[in-house]
Amino acid sequence: MPGRPASWLSQKTEVQLLRQPNSSNKILTRTTKDGESSPPFVLRRVNYKSKRWRRKRESILKRDGYLCQISLRYGKRVEADTVHHIFPVNKYPEFEWEDWNLISLSKEVHNKMHHRDTQELTAEGRKLMERTARSKGIVLR
């Protein structure tokens, strides 16, 4: 079953987090006040400790000259220490490993791209995603 965005959850909803053994994905189920349950869905998480991710991260940082690409747009040269998925992995798992979906950012700029707790994109993160979608001819869902 494809993952659903975390924004799908409301404050009136009780969420159960279940972890599969040896998996970084979270399985979520939703229970409303009426006691109604949704089928389980997966909130995907990238394994940031895997060898594959470490190689990909280094490749993207090198491609971007170890500079924050958003700061660079505004003429500032700030060292990048984070690689960000422009299209969130939990909504767009098919773009998880695409180079064009990854961008080098400073920690400060990265924290402006999505909320730390909910992982939902902020307005700045959505703008970056929409700009990238337009340039790639991707229709957002």
C-alpha atoms as a PDB file:
ATOM      1  CA  MET A   1       0.000   0.000   0.000  1.00  0.00           C
ATOM      2  CA  PRO A   2       1.481   3.405  -0.919  1.00  0.00           C
ATOM      3  CA  GLY A   3       2.430   5.686   1.962  1.00  0.00           C
ATOM      4  CA  ARG A   4       0.137   8.524   2.948  1.00  0.00           C
ATOM      5  CA  PRO A   5       1.420  11.957   3.922  1.00  0.00           C
ATOM      6  CA  ALA A   6       1.688  12.712   7.629  1.00  0.00           C
ATOM      7  CA  SER A   7      -0.599  15.754   7.033  1.00  0.00           C
ATOM      8  CA  TRP A   8      -3.377  13.228   6.457  1.00  0.00           C
ATOM      9  CA  LEU A   9      -3.424  12.726  10.220  1.00  0.00           C
ATOM     10  CA  SER A  10      -5.588  15.153  12.151  1.00  0.00           C
ATOM     11  CA  GLN A  11      -5.482  16.273  15.754  1.00  0.00           C
ATOM     12  CA  LYS A  12      -8.657  14.273  16.389  1.00  0.00           C
ATOM     13  CA  THR A  13      -6.841  11.132  15.321  1.00  0.00           C
ATOM     14  CA  GLU A  14      -4.954   8.690  17.479  1.00  0.00           C
ATOM     15  CA  VAL A  15      -1.951   7.244  15.683  1.00  0.00           C
ATOM     16  CA  GLN A  16      -0.197   4.028  16.535  1.00  0.00           C
ATOM     17  CA  LEU A  17       3.415   3.628  15.485  1.00  0.00           C
ATOM     18  CA  LEU A  18       4.569   0.086  14.922  1.00  0.00           C
ATOM     19  CA  ARG A  19       8.123  -0.775  13.941  1.00  0.00           C
ATOM     20  CA  GLN A  20       8.937  -3.741  11.779  1.00  0.00           C
ATOM     21  CA  PRO A  21      11.992  -5.667  12.956  1.00  0.00           C
ATOM     22  CA  ASN A  22      15.116  -4.634  11.000  1.00  0.00           C
ATOM     23  CA  SER A  23      13.283  -1.819   9.235  1.00  0.00           C
ATOM     24  CA  SER A  24      13.576   1.944   9.385  1.00  0.00           C
ATOM     25  CA  ASN A  25      10.022   2.341   8.044  1.00  0.00           C
ATOM     26  CA  LYS A  26       7.171   3.046  10.432  1.00  0.00           C
ATOM     27  CA  ILE A  27       3.783   1.433   9.963  1.00  0.00           C
ATOM     28  CA  LEU A  28       0.986   3.770  10.963  1.00  0.00           C
ATOM     29  CA  THR A  29      -2.651   3.071  11.655  1.00  0.00           C
ATOM     30  CA  ARG A  30      -5.251   5.712  12.310  1.00  0.00           C
ATOM     31  CA  THR A  31      -8.118   5.537  14.794  1.00  0.00           C
ATOM     32  CA  THR A  32     -10.743   8.294  14.848  1.00  0.00           C
ATOM     33  CA  LYS A  33     -12.841   9.361  17.860  1.00  0.00           C
ATOM     34  CA  ASP A  34     -15.568   7.077  16.522  1.00  0.00           C
ATOM     35  CA  GLY A  35     -13.235   4.095  16.906  1.00  0.00           C
ATOM     36  CA  GLU A  36     -12.838   3.699  13.142  1.00  0.00           C
ATOM     37  CA  SER A  37      -9.465   2.280  12.024  1.00  0.00           C
ATOM     38  CA  SER A  38      -7.642   2.826   8.768  1.00  0.00           C
ATOM     39  CA  PRO A  39      -5.631   0.161   7.028  1.00  0.00           C
ATOM     40  CA  PRO A  40      -1.956   0.366   8.019  1.00  0.00           C
ATOM     41  CA  PHE A  41       0.269   2.567   5.889  1.00  0.00           C
ATOM     42  CA  VAL A  42       4.010   3.095   5.826  1.00  0.00           C
ATOM     43  CA  LEU A  43       5.862   6.276   6.712  1.00  0.00           C
ATOM     44  CA  ARG A  44       9.126   5.666   4.902  1.00  0.00           C
ATOM     45  CA  ARG A  45      12.459   6.671   6.335  1.00  0.00           C
ATOM     46  CA  VAL A  46      15.767   6.563   4.521  1.00  0.00           C
ATOM     47  CA  ASN A  47      18.457   4.554   6.252  1.00  0.00           C
ATOM     48  CA  TYR A  48      20.946   7.389   6.625  1.00  0.00           C
ATOM     49  CA  LYS A  49      23.592   5.031   8.028  1.00  0.00           C
ATOM     50  CA  SER A  50      23.667   2.715   5.032  1.00  0.00           C
ATOM     51  CA  LYS A  51      26.730   2.539   2.821  1.00  0.00           C
ATOM     52  CA  ARG A  52      24.586   3.367  -0.214  1.00  0.00           C
ATOM     53  CA  TRP A  53      23.280   6.589   1.396  1.00  0.00           C
ATOM     54  CA  ARG A  54      26.745   7.665   2.600  1.00  0.00           C
ATOM     55  CA  ARG A  55      28.098   7.271  -0.957  1.00  0.00           C
ATOM     56  CA  LYS A  56      25.115   9.115  -2.471  1.00  0.00           C
ATOM     57  CA  ARG A  57      25.384  11.927   0.105  1.00  0.00           C
ATOM     58  CA  GLU A  58      29.092  12.414  -0.583  1.00  0.00           C
ATOM     59  CA  SER A  59      28.420  12.399  -4.341  1.00  0.00           C
ATOM     60  CA  ILE A  60      25.763  15.134  -4.015  1.00  0.00           C
ATOM     61  CA  LEU A  61      27.887  17.292  -1.690  1.00  0.00           C
ATOM     62  CA  LYS A  62      30.789  16.989  -4.136  1.00  0.00           C
ATOM     63  CA  ARG A  63      28.545  17.816  -7.120  1.00  0.00           C
ATOM     64  CA  ASP A  64      27.355  20.969  -5.327  1.00  0.00           C
ATOM     65  CA  GLY A  65      30.874  21.998  -4.295  1.00  0.00           C
ATOM     66  CA  TYR A  66      30.077  21.467  -0.591  1.00  0.00           C
ATOM     67  CA  LEU A  67      28.053  24.697  -0.681  1.00  0.00           C
ATOM     68  CA  CYS A  68      24.449  25.331   0.362  1.00  0.00           C
ATOM     69  CA  GLN A  69      22.594  25.705  -2.918  1.00  0.00           C
ATOM     70  CA  ILE A  70      19.796  27.884  -1.520  1.00  0.00           C
ATOM     71  CA  SER A  71      22.258  30.322   0.088  1.00  0.00           C
ATOM     72  CA  LEU A  72      24.205  30.365  -3.185  1.00  0.00           C
ATOM     73  CA  ARG A  73      21.063  31.535  -5.015  1.00  0.00           C
ATOM     74  CA  TYR A  74      21.215  34.647  -2.850  1.00  0.00           C
ATOM     75  CA  GLY A  75      24.941  35.212  -3.359  1.00  0.00           C
ATOM     76  CA  LYS A  76      26.062  33.736  -0.038  1.00  0.00           C
ATOM     77  CA  ARG A  77      28.758  31.072   0.162  1.00  0.00           C
ATOM     78  CA  VAL A  78      27.741  28.853   3.085  1.00  0.00           C
ATOM     79  CA  GLU A  79      29.163  25.387   3.699  1.00  0.00           C
ATOM     80  CA  ALA A  80      26.647  22.568   3.200  1.00  0.00           C
ATOM     81  CA  ASP A  81      26.490  19.753   5.721  1.00  0.00           C
ATOM     82  CA  THR A  82      23.150  18.160   4.834  1.00  0.00           C
ATOM     83  CA  VAL A  83      21.663  16.540   1.727  1.00  0.00           C
ATOM     84  CA  HIS A  84      17.923  17.175   1.415  1.00  0.00           C
ATOM     85  CA  HIS A  85      15.259  15.248  -0.529  1.00  0.00           C
ATOM     86  CA  ILE A  86      13.340  17.908  -2.462  1.00  0.00           C
ATOM     87  CA  PHE A  87      10.407  15.514  -2.976  1.00  0.00           C
ATOM     88  CA  PRO A  88       9.756  13.840   0.418  1.00  0.00           C
ATOM     89  CA  VAL A  89      10.517  10.118   0.385  1.00  0.00           C
ATOM     90  CA  ASN A  90       7.289   9.215   2.209  1.00  0.00           C
ATOM     91  CA  LYS A  91       5.202  10.763  -0.616  1.00  0.00           C
ATOM     92  CA  TYR A  92       7.501  10.143  -3.592  1.00  0.00           C
ATOM     93  CA  PRO A  93       9.522   6.971  -2.908  1.00  0.00           C
ATOM     94  CA  GLU A  94      10.242   6.618  -6.632  1.00  0.00           C
ATOM     95  CA  PHE A  95      12.504   9.707  -6.465  1.00  0.00           C
ATOM     96  CA  GLU A  96      14.442   8.616  -3.367  1.00  0.00           C
ATOM     97  CA  TRP A  97      17.777   7.995  -5.129  1.00  0.00           C
ATOM     98  CA  GLU A  98      17.489  10.436  -8.042  1.00  0.00           C
ATOM     99  CA  ASP A  99      20.356  12.946  -8.120  1.00  0.00           C
ATOM    100  CA  TRP A 100      18.052  15.769  -9.258  1.00  0.00           C
ATOM    101  CA  ASN A 101      15.878  15.185  -6.151  1.00  0.00           C
ATOM    102  CA  LEU A 102      18.814  15.768  -3.789  1.00  0.00           C
ATOM    103  CA  ILE A 103      20.299  19.135  -2.878  1.00  0.00           C
ATOM    104  CA  SER A 104      23.121  20.218  -0.570  1.00  0.00           C
ATOM    105  CA  LEU A 105      22.000  22.561   2.198  1.00  0.00           C
ATOM    106  CA  SER A 106      23.348  24.081   5.381  1.00  0.00           C
ATOM    107  CA  LYS A 107      21.732  22.842   8.584  1.00  0.00           C
ATOM    108  CA  GLU A 108      20.068  26.252   9.074  1.00  0.00           C
ATOM    109  CA  VAL A 109      18.483  26.244   5.604  1.00  0.00           C
ATOM    110  CA  HIS A 110      17.550  22.562   5.890  1.00  0.00           C
ATOM    111  CA  ASN A 111      15.609  23.291   9.087  1.00  0.00           C
ATOM    112  CA  LYS A 112      13.610  25.899   7.132  1.00  0.00           C
ATOM    113  CA  MET A 113      12.612  23.316   4.504  1.00  0.00           C
ATOM    114  CA  HIS A 114      10.482  21.089   6.746  1.00  0.00           C
ATOM    115  CA  HIS A 115       9.191  20.866  10.281  1.00  0.00           C
ATOM    116  CA  ARG A 116      11.488  18.753  12.439  1.00  0.00           C
ATOM    117  CA  ASP A 117       8.664  16.938  14.265  1.00  0.00           C
ATOM    118  CA  THR A 118       6.103  16.270  11.534  1.00  0.00           C
ATOM    119  CA  GLN A 119       8.535  16.144   8.581  1.00  0.00           C
ATOM    120  CA  GLU A 120       5.944  18.144   6.615  1.00  0.00           C
ATOM    121  CA  LEU A 121       7.365  20.632   4.130  1.00  0.00           C
ATOM    122  CA  THR A 122       7.244  24.305   5.049  1.00  0.00           C
ATOM    123  CA  ALA A 123       6.215  26.965   2.526  1.00  0.00           C
ATOM    124  CA  GLU A 124       9.878  27.272   1.486  1.00  0.00           C
ATOM    125  CA  GLY A 125      10.153  23.505   1.040  1.00  0.00           C
ATOM    126  CA  ARG A 126       6.978  23.418  -1.050  1.00  0.00           C
ATOM    127  CA  LYS A 127       8.267  26.270  -3.248  1.00  0.00           C
ATOM    128  CA  LEU A 128      11.489  24.362  -3.910  1.00  0.00           C
ATOM    129  CA  MET A 129       9.517  21.204  -4.703  1.00  0.00           C
ATOM    130  CA  GLU A 130       7.153  23.071  -7.056  1.00  0.00           C
ATOM    131  CA  ARG A 131      10.060  24.811  -8.823  1.00  0.00           C
ATOM    132  CA  THR A 132      11.801  21.453  -9.294  1.00  0.00           C
ATOM    133  CA  ALA A 133       8.568  19.816 -10.494  1.00  0.00           C
ATOM    134  CA  ARG A 134       8.111  22.520 -13.133  1.00  0.00           C
ATOM    135  CA  SER A 135      11.686  22.132 -14.367  1.00  0.00           C
ATOM    136  CA  LYS A 136      11.322  18.320 -14.567  1.00  0.00           C
ATOM    137  CA  GLY A 137       7.796  18.289 -16.007  1.00  0.00           C
ATOM    138  CA  ILE A 138       6.413  16.455 -12.979  1.00  0.00           C
ATOM    139  CA  VAL A 139       2.746  16.780 -12.093  1.00  0.00           C
ATOM    140  CA  LEU A 140       2.375  17.035  -8.313  1.00  0.00           C
ATOM    141  CA  ARG A 141      -0.142  14.787  -6.627  1.00  0.00           C
END
